[in-house]
Protein backbone atom coordinates (compact mmCIF):
# COMPACT_ATOMS: atom_id res chain seq x y z
CA MET A 1 167.52 145.45 92.41
CA LYS A 2 166.54 141.64 93.02
CA PRO A 3 167.16 139.91 89.62
CA TYR A 4 163.95 138.13 89.37
CA LEU A 5 162.95 138.55 85.60
CA LYS A 6 164.88 136.05 82.80
CA ILE A 7 167.10 138.48 81.38
CA THR A 8 164.32 138.23 78.21
CA ARG A 9 161.62 140.78 76.04
CA ASN A 10 159.33 140.51 79.51
CA ASN A 11 155.16 142.40 78.57
CA MET A 12 155.12 143.76 82.22
CA PRO A 13 151.83 145.67 83.51
CA PHE A 14 150.71 148.65 82.81
CA HIS A 15 151.58 150.94 85.65
CA LYS A 16 148.70 152.61 88.37
CA THR A 17 149.44 155.92 90.07
CA ARG A 18 148.82 154.68 93.82
CA SER A 19 149.22 155.92 97.80
CA PHE A 20 152.83 155.82 99.18
CA PHE A 21 151.66 152.27 100.67
CA PRO A 22 149.68 150.24 98.16
CA ALA A 23 152.58 151.25 96.03
CA LEU A 24 155.09 149.69 97.54
CA THR A 25 152.87 146.55 98.54
CA HIS A 26 152.62 146.18 94.63
CA ALA A 27 156.58 147.24 93.76
CA THR A 28 157.24 144.69 96.65
CA LYS A 29 155.38 141.67 95.07
CA LEU A 30 156.69 142.59 91.26
CA HIS A 31 159.87 142.30 92.73
CA GLY A 32 159.83 139.23 93.03
CA TYR A 33 159.90 139.89 97.30
CA THR A 34 158.87 137.99 99.56
CA GLY A 35 158.79 135.62 103.14
CA SER A 36 159.70 138.00 106.40
CA PHE A 37 160.54 141.90 106.37
CA ALA A 38 160.45 141.65 102.21
CA LYS A 39 158.08 144.81 101.89
CA LEU A 40 161.57 146.68 104.54
CA ARG A 41 163.96 144.48 102.29
CA PHE A 42 163.38 145.91 98.74
CA LEU A 43 162.95 149.96 99.80
CA TRP A 44 166.08 149.10 100.74
CA ASP A 45 167.21 147.76 97.67
CA ARG A 46 165.74 150.20 95.72
CA THR A 47 166.63 153.23 97.73
CA LYS A 48 170.25 151.94 97.82
CA ASP A 49 170.51 151.29 94.17
CA HIS A 50 168.98 155.19 93.42
CA TRP A 51 171.74 156.60 95.41
CA LEU A 52 174.81 154.20 93.48
CA GLN A 53 172.85 155.80 89.82
CA VAL A 54 173.30 160.15 91.56
CA ILE A 55 176.09 160.03 92.97
CA SER A 56 178.01 157.27 89.45
CA ARG A 57 176.56 160.13 87.21
CA ILE A 58 178.55 163.04 89.32
CA MET A 59 181.62 161.21 90.75
CA PRO A 60 184.57 162.70 88.34
CA TYR A 61 186.43 159.42 88.97
CA ASN A 62 185.61 156.80 85.56
CA GLY A 63 186.47 153.70 87.72
CA VAL A 64 184.11 155.18 90.55
CA ARG A 65 181.37 155.02 88.33
CA ILE A 66 181.70 152.02 86.60
CA LYS A 67 181.70 150.11 90.50
CA MET A 68 179.01 152.30 91.04
CA GLN A 69 176.96 150.58 87.87
CA ARG A 70 178.29 147.37 88.91
CA MET A 71 176.82 147.20 92.29
CA ARG A 72 173.45 147.90 90.93
CA GLY A 73 173.63 144.91 88.65
CA VAL A 74 174.58 146.11 85.44
CA ARG A 75 177.02 143.92 83.64
CA ILE A 76 180.62 146.14 82.31
CA GLY A 77 182.96 144.51 80.93
CA ARG A 78 186.78 145.75 80.70
CA GLY A 79 188.31 148.19 80.06
CA VAL A 80 184.72 150.04 79.72
CA HIS A 81 184.54 153.89 80.01
CA LEU A 82 181.61 156.18 81.22
CA GLY A 83 181.31 159.53 81.02
CA PRO A 84 179.84 162.25 83.21
CA LEU A 85 175.70 162.29 83.94
CA VAL A 86 174.96 158.77 82.38
CA THR A 87 171.73 157.51 83.21
CA ILE A 88 171.25 153.11 83.30
CA ASP A 89 167.85 151.91 83.58
CA ASP A 90 166.89 153.08 86.77
CA VAL A 91 164.70 149.66 87.81
CA TYR A 92 166.04 147.14 85.73
CA PRO A 93 170.02 147.51 85.10
CA TYR A 94 170.91 144.02 85.32
CA PHE A 95 168.73 144.19 82.10
CA VAL A 96 172.33 146.32 80.89
CA ARG A 97 175.17 144.63 79.53
CA ILE A 98 177.80 146.73 78.69
CA GLU A 99 180.88 144.68 76.36
CA ASP A 100 184.38 145.01 76.81
CA GLY A 101 186.33 148.14 75.34
CA ALA A 102 182.75 150.49 75.19
CA CYS A 103 182.86 154.00 75.56
CA ILE A 104 180.09 156.06 76.88
CA SER A 105 179.94 159.73 76.51
CA GLY A 106 178.01 161.66 79.19
CA GLN A 107 174.81 162.99 79.49
CA THR A 108 174.13 159.21 78.13
CA PHE A 109 170.68 157.63 79.04
CA ILE A 110 170.50 153.07 78.48
CA ILE A 111 166.53 152.61 79.14
CA ALA A 112 165.94 148.67 79.48
CA HIS A 113 161.75 149.45 80.11
CA SER A 114 158.72 151.02 79.34
CA ILE A 115 155.84 150.73 81.60
CA PRO A 116 153.76 153.00 80.68
CA ASP A 117 150.22 154.41 82.97
CA ASP A 118 147.24 152.20 82.65
CA TYR A 119 145.58 155.07 79.71
CA TYR A 120 147.90 154.29 77.45
CA SER A 121 146.87 150.09 77.65
CA ASP A 122 144.78 149.89 74.11
CA ALA A 123 147.54 152.17 73.03
CA THR A 124 151.47 150.58 72.72
CA GLU A 125 153.42 147.80 74.99
CA SER A 126 154.59 147.32 78.75
CA PHE A 127 157.75 145.85 78.81
CA VAL A 128 161.47 145.66 79.67
CA ALA A 129 163.70 143.90 77.44
CA PRO A 130 167.14 143.88 77.85
CA VAL A 131 169.74 146.54 75.62
CA VAL A 132 173.73 144.57 74.90
CA ILE A 133 176.04 147.58 74.05
CA GLY A 134 179.13 145.57 71.85
CA LYS A 135 182.39 145.41 72.08
CA ASN A 136 184.44 148.61 71.18
CA VAL A 137 181.16 150.78 70.27
CA TRP A 138 181.34 154.56 71.16
CA LEU A 139 178.50 156.06 72.26
CA ALA A 140 179.05 159.93 71.95
CA ILE A 141 177.43 162.72 73.31
CA ASN A 142 173.73 162.92 74.46
CA VAL A 143 172.43 159.66 72.95
CA VAL A 144 169.16 157.77 74.34
CA ILE A 145 169.15 153.38 74.11
CA HIS A 146 166.25 152.58 74.35
CA PRO A 147 165.09 149.17 75.70
CA GLY A 148 165.61 145.99 73.33
CA VAL A 149 168.41 147.28 71.35
CA THR A 150 171.67 145.59 70.56
CA ILE A 151 174.46 147.80 69.45
CA GLY A 152 176.57 145.88 67.36
CA GLN A 153 180.56 145.60 68.62
CA GLY A 154 182.66 148.53 66.55
CA SER A 155 180.15 150.51 66.09
CA ILE A 156 179.84 154.64 66.48
CA VAL A 157 176.41 156.18 67.51
CA ALA A 158 176.87 160.36 66.67
CA SER A 159 175.84 162.61 68.92
CA GLY A 160 172.19 163.52 70.19
CA SER A 161 170.63 159.92 68.72
CA VAL A 162 167.73 158.47 69.33
CA VAL A 163 168.20 154.46 68.97
CA THR A 164 164.62 152.41 68.93
CA LYS A 165 166.23 149.78 67.13
CA SER A 166 169.40 147.15 66.55
CA ILE A 167 172.49 148.73 64.95
CA PRO A 168 175.27 146.41 62.77
CA PRO A 169 178.26 145.54 64.08
CA PHE A 170 180.82 148.14 62.44
CA VAL A 171 178.84 151.17 61.10
CA MET A 172 178.05 154.91 61.86
CA ALA A 173 174.79 155.15 63.23
CA ALA A 174 172.73 158.94 63.60
CA GLY A 175 169.86 160.56 64.38
CA THR A 176 166.23 160.27 65.31
CA PRO A 177 165.95 157.96 65.52
CA ALA A 178 169.35 156.86 64.65
CA VAL A 179 169.85 154.82 61.11
CA VAL A 180 172.84 153.64 59.51
CA LYS A 181 174.49 156.75 58.01
CA LYS A 182 177.77 154.79 56.40
CA ASP A 183 179.85 151.51 56.84
CA ILE A 184 183.26 151.90 58.91
CA ALA A 185 184.08 148.24 58.64
CA ASP A 186 187.26 148.76 56.71
CA ARG A 187 188.39 151.46 58.55
CA VAL A 188 188.59 149.36 62.06
CA ARG A 189 189.67 146.38 60.59
CA LYS A 190 193.35 146.37 61.68
CA ASN A 191 191.67 145.82 64.80
CA TYR A 192 191.37 142.37 64.22
CA SER A 193 192.85 138.62 62.42
CA ASP A 194 191.54 138.57 59.03
CA LYS A 195 189.44 135.81 60.47
CA GLU A 196 187.61 136.55 63.03
CA PHE A 197 186.66 139.82 61.47
CA GLU A 198 185.36 137.38 58.03
CA ARG A 199 183.48 136.06 61.24
CA ILE A 200 182.19 139.12 62.07
CA LEU A 201 180.22 140.40 58.54
CA ALA A 202 179.23 137.10 57.61
CA LYS A 203 176.95 137.17 60.84
CA ARG A 204 176.66 140.06 60.31
CA LYS A 205 175.13 139.55 56.64
CA GLU A 206 173.60 136.79 58.06
CA GLU A 207 171.22 139.11 60.88
CA TYR A 208 171.25 142.42 59.39
CA GLY A 209 171.66 141.58 55.76
CA PHE A 210 174.02 144.34 55.74
């Protein structure tokens, strides 16, 4: 999709169910498509991105899955593994960044937006927010990542977890919602120079108090 929004938290209009052509007109404008054949260009991009997502989920080869997700606009670093049946935000893929060495296990959902029906406009928020999967993060099978979440580098998120808030570096998190269960900094220290390791820990202390 066309990257029309600045990659930060953006409040969004609530969803209203419309018939096809009014919905197409609304979505075309909402996603920043203007000028000649705007609706046609939006429809092409939306359909292309949809099928890239569908095919990437069932492809048996990691390299092809990554290439297809990059074609959608997902920002993916080097040495990343995407398991089968991984779904990355269907509408705002460019809001998702997966950094070097991350491992995303199968059946994981990474979601960058929450746009409820207008019925709930006084009960909750409608927004899109960036998601960052840090370097060498391991998301075990069947994890759900919510909008606006950052998973700090070197951390593990256990199977079946639902991550609603950011997770510090060098920890194991689990649960629904996911919370920190264990500090694994000493277990991964061998992968860093002393200077780099201490820098990450200092930043973790500053940002998370942990």
